[in-house]
């Protein structure tokens, strides 16, 4: 069982294609690639922490969750209404979480923090919201799909990237249709 992190999928949201310059001709193409990459990365028994901004319409969330592999936890984003949190398929929902993965203390929130609990004792801040447009701070990682080739990412993947800009501040990777 592996733990993954992701954020800012914005399933069904045409605005995301334009605002964040995602390389998709349509929402259907974006949704299909997001689902494909999620399921190619995450096994059914894996754990996924989604750090917010799941979908345009809360009514779509139960079917999306059923189509995506893994046990899914939600940290609410600014575009997640109550209906998204109440959707069947979440193992848990919260605005904020602290957990330990692979002996690393993690502080999870949709929003990047300037400072966070345990920051000076090695705790890491994982976040979404900025779509790779925020210069990263030490021990802070943007886990949004725009930064990680439209797929969930492991903590090991985040820690292994040698170029600090790639760990949260790089421009989005452009998808290719398969």
N, C-alpha and C. Protein backbone atom coordinates (compact mmCIF):
# COMPACT_ATOMS: atom_id res chain seq x y z
N UNK A 1 0.85 -1.18 0.00
CA UNK A 1 0.00 0.00 0.00
C UNK A 1 0.89 1.24 0.00
N UNK A 2 0.65 2.13 -0.93
CA UNK A 2 1.41 3.36 -1.09
C UNK A 2 0.49 4.55 -0.85
N UNK A 3 1.06 5.62 -0.30
CA UNK A 3 0.29 6.85 -0.09
C UNK A 3 0.65 7.86 -1.17
N UNK A 4 -0.37 8.42 -1.79
CA UNK A 4 -0.22 9.42 -2.85
C UNK A 4 -0.87 10.73 -2.43
N UNK A 5 -0.46 11.79 -3.11
CA UNK A 5 -1.00 13.13 -2.88
C UNK A 5 -1.32 13.77 -4.23
N UNK A 6 -2.38 14.56 -4.25
CA UNK A 6 -2.75 15.29 -5.46
C UNK A 6 -3.61 16.48 -5.05
N UNK A 7 -3.86 17.35 -6.00
CA UNK A 7 -4.73 18.52 -5.77
C UNK A 7 -5.11 19.12 -7.11
N UNK A 8 -6.11 19.96 -7.06
CA UNK A 8 -6.49 20.81 -8.19
C UNK A 8 -6.83 20.04 -9.46
N UNK A 9 -7.54 18.92 -9.32
CA UNK A 9 -7.98 18.20 -10.51
C UNK A 9 -9.00 19.01 -11.29
N UNK A 10 -9.88 19.69 -10.61
CA UNK A 10 -10.91 20.52 -11.26
C UNK A 10 -11.65 19.75 -12.36
N UNK A 11 -12.04 18.51 -12.06
CA UNK A 11 -12.80 17.73 -13.04
C UNK A 11 -14.02 18.54 -13.51
N UNK A 12 -14.27 18.50 -14.81
CA UNK A 12 -15.45 19.13 -15.37
C UNK A 12 -15.42 20.64 -15.46
N UNK A 13 -14.31 21.25 -15.18
CA UNK A 13 -14.26 22.72 -15.14
C UNK A 13 -13.52 23.29 -16.35
N UNK A 14 -14.28 23.78 -17.30
CA UNK A 14 -13.70 24.35 -18.52
C UNK A 14 -12.83 25.58 -18.22
N UNK A 15 -13.16 26.28 -17.14
CA UNK A 15 -12.39 27.49 -16.79
C UNK A 15 -10.93 27.16 -16.50
N UNK A 16 -10.71 25.99 -15.93
CA UNK A 16 -9.35 25.58 -15.56
C UNK A 16 -8.47 25.44 -16.80
N UNK A 17 -9.03 24.97 -17.88
CA UNK A 17 -8.26 24.83 -19.12
C UNK A 17 -7.75 26.20 -19.57
N UNK A 18 -8.60 27.20 -19.49
CA UNK A 18 -8.22 28.55 -19.92
C UNK A 18 -7.34 29.28 -18.92
N UNK A 19 -7.77 29.29 -17.66
CA UNK A 19 -7.05 30.06 -16.64
C UNK A 19 -5.64 29.53 -16.44
N UNK A 20 -5.52 28.21 -16.32
CA UNK A 20 -4.21 27.61 -16.02
C UNK A 20 -3.52 27.07 -17.27
N UNK A 21 -4.10 27.36 -18.43
CA UNK A 21 -3.52 26.98 -19.72
C UNK A 21 -3.20 25.49 -19.82
N UNK A 22 -4.16 24.71 -19.39
CA UNK A 22 -3.99 23.27 -19.53
C UNK A 22 -4.10 22.89 -21.00
N UNK A 23 -3.32 21.92 -21.42
CA UNK A 23 -3.22 21.59 -22.85
C UNK A 23 -4.31 20.65 -23.36
N UNK A 24 -5.55 20.99 -23.11
CA UNK A 24 -6.65 20.12 -23.53
C UNK A 24 -7.61 20.88 -24.42
N UNK A 25 -8.14 20.20 -25.42
CA UNK A 25 -9.10 20.81 -26.34
C UNK A 25 -10.50 20.86 -25.74
N UNK A 26 -10.75 20.01 -24.73
CA UNK A 26 -12.09 19.95 -24.13
C UNK A 26 -12.01 19.44 -22.70
N UNK A 27 -13.09 19.65 -21.97
CA UNK A 27 -13.21 19.13 -20.62
C UNK A 27 -13.22 17.61 -20.64
N UNK A 28 -13.88 17.02 -21.61
CA UNK A 28 -13.92 15.56 -21.71
C UNK A 28 -12.51 14.99 -21.87
N UNK A 29 -11.69 15.63 -22.69
CA UNK A 29 -10.31 15.18 -22.88
C UNK A 29 -9.52 15.32 -21.57
N UNK A 30 -9.70 16.44 -20.87
CA UNK A 30 -9.00 16.65 -19.60
C UNK A 30 -9.44 15.60 -18.58
N UNK A 31 -10.73 15.41 -18.42
CA UNK A 31 -11.23 14.43 -17.46
C UNK A 31 -10.70 13.04 -17.76
N UNK A 32 -10.73 12.65 -19.02
CA UNK A 32 -10.29 11.31 -19.40
C UNK A 32 -8.81 11.10 -19.07
N UNK A 33 -7.98 12.11 -19.35
CA UNK A 33 -6.55 11.97 -19.06
C UNK A 33 -6.30 11.95 -17.55
N UNK A 34 -7.00 12.78 -16.79
CA UNK A 34 -6.84 12.78 -15.33
C UNK A 34 -7.20 11.42 -14.74
N UNK A 35 -8.31 10.85 -15.17
CA UNK A 35 -8.72 9.53 -14.68
C UNK A 35 -7.72 8.47 -15.11
N UNK A 36 -7.30 8.51 -16.36
CA UNK A 36 -6.35 7.53 -16.87
C UNK A 36 -5.03 7.57 -16.09
N UNK A 37 -4.49 8.75 -15.88
CA UNK A 37 -3.20 8.87 -15.18
C UNK A 37 -3.34 8.52 -13.70
N UNK A 38 -4.46 8.90 -13.08
CA UNK A 38 -4.70 8.53 -11.68
C UNK A 38 -4.67 7.00 -11.56
N UNK A 39 -5.47 6.31 -12.38
CA UNK A 39 -5.60 4.87 -12.26
C UNK A 39 -4.36 4.12 -12.74
N UNK A 40 -3.55 4.72 -13.59
CA UNK A 40 -2.28 4.10 -13.98
C UNK A 40 -1.24 4.23 -12.87
N UNK A 41 -1.44 5.19 -11.97
CA UNK A 41 -0.49 5.47 -10.89
C UNK A 41 -0.91 4.82 -9.58
N UNK A 42 -2.18 4.88 -9.26
CA UNK A 42 -2.72 4.46 -7.97
C UNK A 42 -3.37 3.09 -8.11
N UNK A 43 -2.97 2.15 -7.24
CA UNK A 43 -3.59 0.82 -7.20
C UNK A 43 -4.85 0.87 -6.32
N UNK A 44 -5.72 -0.10 -6.46
CA UNK A 44 -6.97 -0.09 -5.67
C UNK A 44 -6.76 -0.02 -4.16
N UNK A 45 -5.69 -0.59 -3.64
CA UNK A 45 -5.46 -0.59 -2.18
C UNK A 45 -4.61 0.57 -1.70
N UNK A 46 -4.19 1.47 -2.58
CA UNK A 46 -3.38 2.62 -2.19
C UNK A 46 -4.25 3.68 -1.52
N UNK A 47 -3.58 4.64 -0.90
CA UNK A 47 -4.25 5.76 -0.22
C UNK A 47 -3.94 7.03 -1.00
N UNK A 48 -4.95 7.87 -1.21
CA UNK A 48 -4.76 9.15 -1.90
C UNK A 48 -5.32 10.27 -1.03
N UNK A 49 -4.49 11.26 -0.78
CA UNK A 49 -4.92 12.50 -0.13
C UNK A 49 -5.10 13.54 -1.22
N UNK A 50 -6.34 13.96 -1.44
CA UNK A 50 -6.64 14.99 -2.44
C UNK A 50 -6.72 16.31 -1.69
N UNK A 51 -5.80 17.23 -2.01
CA UNK A 51 -5.72 18.49 -1.27
C UNK A 51 -6.54 19.59 -1.93
N UNK A 52 -7.73 19.24 -2.35
CA UNK A 52 -8.72 20.22 -2.71
C UNK A 52 -8.89 20.58 -4.16
N UNK A 53 -10.04 21.19 -4.43
CA UNK A 53 -10.50 21.59 -5.76
C UNK A 53 -10.67 20.37 -6.65
N UNK A 54 -11.64 19.56 -6.26
CA UNK A 54 -11.89 18.27 -6.92
C UNK A 54 -12.59 18.44 -8.26
N UNK A 55 -13.75 19.08 -8.25
CA UNK A 55 -14.58 19.12 -9.45
C UNK A 55 -15.44 20.37 -9.50
N UNK A 56 -15.86 20.72 -10.67
CA UNK A 56 -16.73 21.89 -10.87
C UNK A 56 -18.08 21.70 -10.19
N UNK A 57 -18.66 20.50 -10.35
CA UNK A 57 -20.00 20.24 -9.81
C UNK A 57 -19.95 19.12 -8.77
N UNK A 58 -20.44 19.41 -7.57
CA UNK A 58 -20.46 18.41 -6.50
C UNK A 58 -21.26 17.17 -6.92
N UNK A 59 -22.27 17.33 -7.75
CA UNK A 59 -23.10 16.20 -8.18
C UNK A 59 -22.29 15.17 -8.98
N UNK A 60 -21.17 15.59 -9.57
CA UNK A 60 -20.32 14.67 -10.35
C UNK A 60 -19.35 13.87 -9.49
N UNK A 61 -19.14 14.30 -8.26
CA UNK A 61 -18.08 13.73 -7.42
C UNK A 61 -18.29 12.26 -7.09
N UNK A 62 -19.49 11.79 -6.70
CA UNK A 62 -19.62 10.36 -6.38
C UNK A 62 -19.21 9.44 -7.54
N UNK A 63 -19.62 9.76 -8.75
CA UNK A 63 -19.25 8.93 -9.90
C UNK A 63 -17.75 9.00 -10.18
N UNK A 64 -17.15 10.19 -10.01
CA UNK A 64 -15.70 10.33 -10.19
C UNK A 64 -14.95 9.48 -9.17
N UNK A 65 -15.36 9.57 -7.91
CA UNK A 65 -14.68 8.80 -6.87
C UNK A 65 -14.79 7.31 -7.12
N UNK A 66 -15.93 6.87 -7.62
CA UNK A 66 -16.12 5.45 -7.94
C UNK A 66 -15.21 5.00 -9.08
N UNK A 67 -14.86 5.92 -9.97
CA UNK A 67 -14.02 5.59 -11.13
C UNK A 67 -12.52 5.65 -10.82
N UNK A 68 -12.16 6.21 -9.67
CA UNK A 68 -10.75 6.41 -9.33
C UNK A 68 -10.28 5.38 -8.31
N UNK A 69 -9.11 4.81 -8.54
CA UNK A 69 -8.54 3.83 -7.63
C UNK A 69 -8.16 4.44 -6.29
N UNK A 70 -8.10 3.59 -5.27
CA UNK A 70 -7.57 3.99 -3.97
C UNK A 70 -8.62 4.38 -2.96
N UNK A 71 -8.16 4.45 -1.71
CA UNK A 71 -8.94 4.99 -0.61
C UNK A 71 -8.68 6.48 -0.59
N UNK A 72 -9.71 7.29 -0.72
CA UNK A 72 -9.54 8.71 -0.97
C UNK A 72 -9.94 9.56 0.24
N UNK A 73 -9.04 10.47 0.61
CA UNK A 73 -9.26 11.44 1.68
C UNK A 73 -9.25 12.82 1.05
N UNK A 74 -10.12 13.71 1.51
CA UNK A 74 -10.20 15.07 0.96
C UNK A 74 -9.81 16.10 2.00
N UNK A 75 -8.91 16.97 1.63
CA UNK A 75 -8.65 18.22 2.35
C UNK A 75 -9.32 19.29 1.50
N UNK A 76 -10.31 19.96 2.05
CA UNK A 76 -11.16 20.87 1.29
C UNK A 76 -10.39 22.03 0.66
N UNK A 77 -10.72 22.31 -0.59
CA UNK A 77 -10.18 23.47 -1.30
C UNK A 77 -11.21 24.57 -1.41
N UNK A 78 -10.82 25.70 -1.91
CA UNK A 78 -11.73 26.84 -2.03
C UNK A 78 -12.84 26.61 -3.04
N UNK A 79 -12.70 25.62 -3.92
CA UNK A 79 -13.74 25.31 -4.90
C UNK A 79 -14.48 24.02 -4.57
N UNK A 80 -14.44 23.60 -3.31
CA UNK A 80 -15.13 22.39 -2.88
C UNK A 80 -16.32 22.75 -1.98
N UNK A 81 -17.54 22.77 -2.53
CA UNK A 81 -18.71 23.09 -1.72
C UNK A 81 -19.03 21.93 -0.77
N UNK A 82 -19.97 22.17 0.14
CA UNK A 82 -20.37 21.15 1.10
C UNK A 82 -20.76 19.84 0.41
N UNK A 83 -21.41 19.94 -0.74
CA UNK A 83 -21.83 18.73 -1.46
C UNK A 83 -20.66 17.85 -1.86
N UNK A 84 -19.52 18.44 -2.16
CA UNK A 84 -18.33 17.65 -2.48
C UNK A 84 -17.87 16.86 -1.26
N UNK A 85 -17.86 17.50 -0.11
CA UNK A 85 -17.44 16.83 1.12
C UNK A 85 -18.42 15.73 1.52
N UNK A 86 -19.68 15.92 1.21
CA UNK A 86 -20.72 14.96 1.60
C UNK A 86 -20.86 13.81 0.60
N UNK A 87 -20.13 13.85 -0.48
CA UNK A 87 -20.24 12.80 -1.50
C UNK A 87 -19.79 11.45 -0.97
N UNK A 88 -20.50 10.42 -1.38
CA UNK A 88 -20.09 9.06 -1.05
C UNK A 88 -18.75 8.77 -1.73
N UNK A 89 -17.88 8.09 -1.02
CA UNK A 89 -16.60 7.71 -1.61
C UNK A 89 -15.38 8.27 -0.90
N UNK A 90 -15.58 9.25 -0.02
CA UNK A 90 -14.45 9.78 0.76
C UNK A 90 -14.28 8.94 2.02
N UNK A 91 -13.04 8.57 2.34
CA UNK A 91 -12.75 7.90 3.61
C UNK A 91 -12.76 8.93 4.74
N UNK A 92 -12.39 10.16 4.42
CA UNK A 92 -12.43 11.26 5.40
C UNK A 92 -12.43 12.58 4.65
N UNK A 93 -12.90 13.62 5.33
CA UNK A 93 -12.84 14.98 4.80
C UNK A 93 -12.44 15.91 5.94
N UNK A 94 -11.68 16.94 5.61
CA UNK A 94 -11.23 17.91 6.62
C UNK A 94 -10.74 19.15 5.90
N UNK A 95 -10.47 20.19 6.67
CA UNK A 95 -9.88 21.40 6.12
C UNK A 95 -8.36 21.38 6.23
N UNK A 96 -7.84 20.50 7.09
CA UNK A 96 -6.43 20.50 7.43
C UNK A 96 -6.12 19.14 8.04
N UNK A 97 -4.91 18.64 7.85
CA UNK A 97 -4.52 17.39 8.49
C UNK A 97 -3.02 17.38 8.74
N UNK A 98 -2.64 16.70 9.79
CA UNK A 98 -1.23 16.41 10.06
C UNK A 98 -1.12 14.90 10.15
N UNK A 99 -0.12 14.34 9.48
CA UNK A 99 0.10 12.91 9.52
C UNK A 99 1.57 12.60 9.32
N UNK A 100 1.92 11.36 9.52
CA UNK A 100 3.29 10.90 9.31
C UNK A 100 3.25 9.87 8.19
N UNK A 101 4.10 10.06 7.19
CA UNK A 101 4.24 9.12 6.08
C UNK A 101 5.73 8.89 5.89
N UNK A 102 6.14 7.65 5.87
CA UNK A 102 7.55 7.29 5.68
C UNK A 102 8.45 8.06 6.65
N UNK A 103 8.00 8.16 7.90
CA UNK A 103 8.75 8.82 8.98
C UNK A 103 8.91 10.33 8.80
N UNK A 104 8.12 10.92 7.90
CA UNK A 104 8.12 12.37 7.70
C UNK A 104 6.81 12.94 8.23
N UNK A 105 6.91 13.99 9.05
CA UNK A 105 5.73 14.70 9.52
C UNK A 105 5.23 15.59 8.40
N UNK A 106 3.94 15.50 8.11
CA UNK A 106 3.34 16.27 7.03
C UNK A 106 2.22 17.14 7.56
N UNK A 107 2.15 18.36 7.02
CA UNK A 107 1.04 19.27 7.28
C UNK A 107 0.36 19.47 5.93
N UNK A 108 -0.90 19.04 5.86
CA UNK A 108 -1.65 19.07 4.61
C UNK A 108 -2.73 20.14 4.66
N UNK A 109 -2.79 20.95 3.64
CA UNK A 109 -3.84 21.94 3.49
C UNK A 109 -3.94 22.28 2.01
N UNK A 110 -5.09 22.74 1.59
CA UNK A 110 -5.20 23.17 0.19
C UNK A 110 -4.28 24.35 -0.08
N UNK A 111 -4.15 25.21 0.90
CA UNK A 111 -3.39 26.45 0.73
C UNK A 111 -1.94 26.29 1.18
N UNK A 112 -1.01 26.89 0.47
CA UNK A 112 0.38 26.89 0.93
C UNK A 112 0.53 27.83 2.12
N UNK A 113 1.31 27.42 3.08
CA UNK A 113 1.53 28.24 4.27
C UNK A 113 2.85 28.98 4.19
N UNK A 114 2.90 30.10 4.82
CA UNK A 114 4.16 30.83 5.01
C UNK A 114 4.96 30.18 6.14
N UNK A 115 4.23 29.70 7.15
CA UNK A 115 4.83 28.91 8.22
C UNK A 115 3.81 27.87 8.64
N UNK A 116 4.27 26.75 9.20
CA UNK A 116 3.37 25.67 9.58
C UNK A 116 3.92 24.94 10.80
N UNK A 117 3.04 24.20 11.43
CA UNK A 117 3.40 23.47 12.63
C UNK A 117 4.57 22.52 12.35
N UNK A 118 5.62 22.63 13.13
CA UNK A 118 6.77 21.76 12.99
C UNK A 118 7.74 22.15 11.88
N UNK A 119 7.51 23.28 11.25
CA UNK A 119 8.34 23.71 10.11
C UNK A 119 9.83 23.68 10.45
N UNK A 120 10.19 24.15 11.63
CA UNK A 120 11.60 24.24 11.99
C UNK A 120 12.10 22.97 12.67
N UNK A 121 11.25 21.95 12.70
CA UNK A 121 11.65 20.64 13.21
C UNK A 121 11.52 19.59 12.11
N UNK A 122 11.52 20.04 10.86
CA UNK A 122 11.54 19.13 9.72
C UNK A 122 10.21 18.77 9.11
N UNK A 123 9.10 19.26 9.64
CA UNK A 123 7.79 18.95 9.05
C UNK A 123 7.68 19.55 7.65
N UNK A 124 6.99 18.85 6.79
CA UNK A 124 6.79 19.28 5.41
C UNK A 124 5.37 19.78 5.21
N UNK A 125 5.21 20.81 4.39
CA UNK A 125 3.89 21.34 4.04
C UNK A 125 3.57 20.91 2.61
N UNK A 126 2.52 20.11 2.44
CA UNK A 126 2.03 19.73 1.13
C UNK A 126 0.75 20.52 0.88
N UNK A 127 0.61 21.06 -0.34
CA UNK A 127 -0.52 21.93 -0.64
C UNK A 127 -0.88 21.85 -2.11
N UNK A 128 -1.97 22.48 -2.45
CA UNK A 128 -2.39 22.68 -3.83
C UNK A 128 -2.56 24.17 -4.06
N UNK A 129 -3.64 24.55 -4.70
CA UNK A 129 -4.12 25.91 -4.88
C UNK A 129 -3.32 26.76 -5.87
N UNK A 130 -2.02 26.67 -5.90
CA UNK A 130 -1.21 27.61 -6.70
C UNK A 130 -0.92 27.13 -8.11
N UNK A 131 -1.29 25.90 -8.45
CA UNK A 131 -1.11 25.38 -9.81
C UNK A 131 0.33 25.56 -10.32
N UNK A 132 1.29 25.40 -9.42
CA UNK A 132 2.70 25.49 -9.81
C UNK A 132 3.20 26.89 -10.05
N UNK A 133 2.45 27.90 -9.67
CA UNK A 133 2.84 29.28 -9.96
C UNK A 133 3.46 30.00 -8.76
N UNK A 134 3.63 29.29 -7.65
CA UNK A 134 4.18 29.90 -6.45
C UNK A 134 5.61 29.41 -6.24
N UNK A 135 6.52 30.35 -6.02
CA UNK A 135 7.90 29.96 -5.73
C UNK A 135 7.89 29.14 -4.45
N UNK A 136 8.48 27.96 -4.48
CA UNK A 136 8.42 27.09 -3.31
C UNK A 136 9.33 27.56 -2.18
N UNK A 137 8.94 27.17 -1.00
CA UNK A 137 9.77 27.39 0.18
C UNK A 137 10.42 26.05 0.54
N UNK A 138 11.44 26.11 1.34
CA UNK A 138 12.09 24.90 1.81
C UNK A 138 11.07 24.03 2.55
N UNK A 139 11.07 22.75 2.26
CA UNK A 139 10.18 21.75 2.86
C UNK A 139 8.70 21.97 2.52
N UNK A 140 8.42 22.65 1.42
CA UNK A 140 7.05 22.88 0.98
C UNK A 140 6.89 22.38 -0.44
N UNK A 141 5.78 21.67 -0.69
CA UNK A 141 5.59 21.03 -1.99
C UNK A 141 4.17 21.23 -2.51
N UNK A 142 4.06 21.70 -3.74
CA UNK A 142 2.79 21.79 -4.45
C UNK A 142 2.52 20.41 -5.04
N UNK A 143 1.43 19.77 -4.64
CA UNK A 143 1.12 18.43 -5.13
C UNK A 143 0.06 18.46 -6.23
N UNK A 144 -0.25 19.64 -6.74
CA UNK A 144 -1.28 19.77 -7.77
C UNK A 144 -0.93 19.08 -9.06
N UNK A 145 -1.96 18.67 -9.77
CA UNK A 145 -1.76 17.93 -11.02
C UNK A 145 -1.03 18.74 -12.09
N UNK A 146 -1.14 20.05 -12.05
CA UNK A 146 -0.47 20.87 -13.06
C UNK A 146 1.05 20.77 -12.95
N UNK A 147 1.55 20.41 -11.79
CA UNK A 147 2.99 20.32 -11.55
C UNK A 147 3.51 18.89 -11.75
N UNK A 148 2.61 17.91 -11.68
CA UNK A 148 3.03 16.51 -11.67
C UNK A 148 2.42 15.70 -12.80
N UNK A 149 2.48 16.24 -13.99
CA UNK A 149 2.07 15.53 -15.19
C UNK A 149 0.65 14.96 -15.07
N UNK A 150 -0.21 15.70 -14.37
CA UNK A 150 -1.63 15.37 -14.25
C UNK A 150 -1.87 14.01 -13.57
N UNK A 151 -1.03 13.68 -12.58
CA UNK A 151 -1.17 12.43 -11.84
C UNK A 151 -0.82 12.64 -10.37
N UNK A 152 -1.35 11.79 -9.49
CA UNK A 152 -0.94 11.82 -8.09
C UNK A 152 0.55 11.50 -7.95
N UNK A 153 1.12 11.92 -6.83
CA UNK A 153 2.56 11.79 -6.61
C UNK A 153 2.81 11.25 -5.20
N UNK A 154 3.88 10.50 -5.03
CA UNK A 154 4.25 10.01 -3.70
C UNK A 154 5.17 11.01 -3.02
N UNK A 155 5.30 10.88 -1.72
CA UNK A 155 6.24 11.71 -0.98
C UNK A 155 7.66 11.44 -1.45
N UNK A 156 7.97 10.19 -1.72
CA UNK A 156 9.29 9.84 -2.25
C UNK A 156 9.59 10.55 -3.55
N UNK A 157 8.59 10.65 -4.42
CA UNK A 157 8.77 11.37 -5.69
C UNK A 157 9.08 12.84 -5.43
N UNK A 158 8.37 13.44 -4.49
CA UNK A 158 8.59 14.85 -4.17
C UNK A 158 9.99 15.07 -3.63
N UNK A 159 10.41 14.22 -2.72
CA UNK A 159 11.71 14.39 -2.07
C UNK A 159 12.87 14.07 -2.99
N UNK A 160 12.64 13.27 -4.03
CA UNK A 160 13.71 12.83 -4.92
C UNK A 160 14.06 13.83 -6.01
N UNK A 161 13.20 14.81 -6.26
CA UNK A 161 13.46 15.74 -7.36
C UNK A 161 14.65 16.63 -7.01
N UNK A 162 15.69 16.59 -7.85
CA UNK A 162 16.90 17.35 -7.52
C UNK A 162 16.79 18.85 -7.74
N UNK A 163 15.98 19.27 -8.68
CA UNK A 163 15.84 20.69 -8.99
C UNK A 163 14.70 21.27 -8.16
N UNK A 164 15.01 22.15 -7.25
CA UNK A 164 14.00 22.71 -6.34
C UNK A 164 12.83 23.33 -7.07
N UNK A 165 13.07 23.95 -8.22
CA UNK A 165 11.95 24.54 -8.96
C UNK A 165 10.95 23.48 -9.36
N UNK A 166 11.40 22.26 -9.63
CA UNK A 166 10.49 21.19 -10.02
C UNK A 166 9.66 20.70 -8.85
N UNK A 167 10.03 21.07 -7.63
CA UNK A 167 9.29 20.61 -6.46
C UNK A 167 8.19 21.59 -6.08
N UNK A 168 7.68 22.33 -7.00
CA UNK A 168 6.53 23.14 -6.66
C UNK A 168 6.45 24.45 -7.40
N UNK A 169 7.50 24.90 -8.04
CA UNK A 169 7.45 26.21 -8.65
C UNK A 169 7.63 26.20 -10.15
N UNK A 170 7.73 25.04 -10.74
CA UNK A 170 7.95 25.00 -12.17
C UNK A 170 6.65 25.19 -12.93
N UNK A 171 6.73 25.59 -14.19
CA UNK A 171 5.52 25.67 -14.99
C UNK A 171 4.93 24.27 -15.18
N UNK A 172 3.66 24.18 -15.50
CA UNK A 172 3.05 22.87 -15.63
C UNK A 172 3.64 22.06 -16.76
N UNK A 173 3.66 20.74 -16.59
CA UNK A 173 4.08 19.82 -17.63
C UNK A 173 2.92 19.70 -18.61
N UNK A 174 3.20 19.72 -19.88
CA UNK A 174 2.15 19.65 -20.88
C UNK A 174 1.80 18.20 -21.17
N UNK A 175 0.52 17.88 -21.14
CA UNK A 175 0.05 16.54 -21.39
C UNK A 175 0.07 16.25 -22.88
N UNK A 176 0.18 14.98 -23.19
CA UNK A 176 0.06 14.56 -24.57
C UNK A 176 -1.05 13.52 -24.63
N UNK A 177 -1.84 13.57 -25.64
CA UNK A 177 -2.92 12.58 -25.78
C UNK A 177 -2.32 11.26 -26.18
N UNK A 178 -2.89 10.19 -25.63
CA UNK A 178 -2.39 8.86 -26.00
C UNK A 178 -3.42 8.10 -26.79
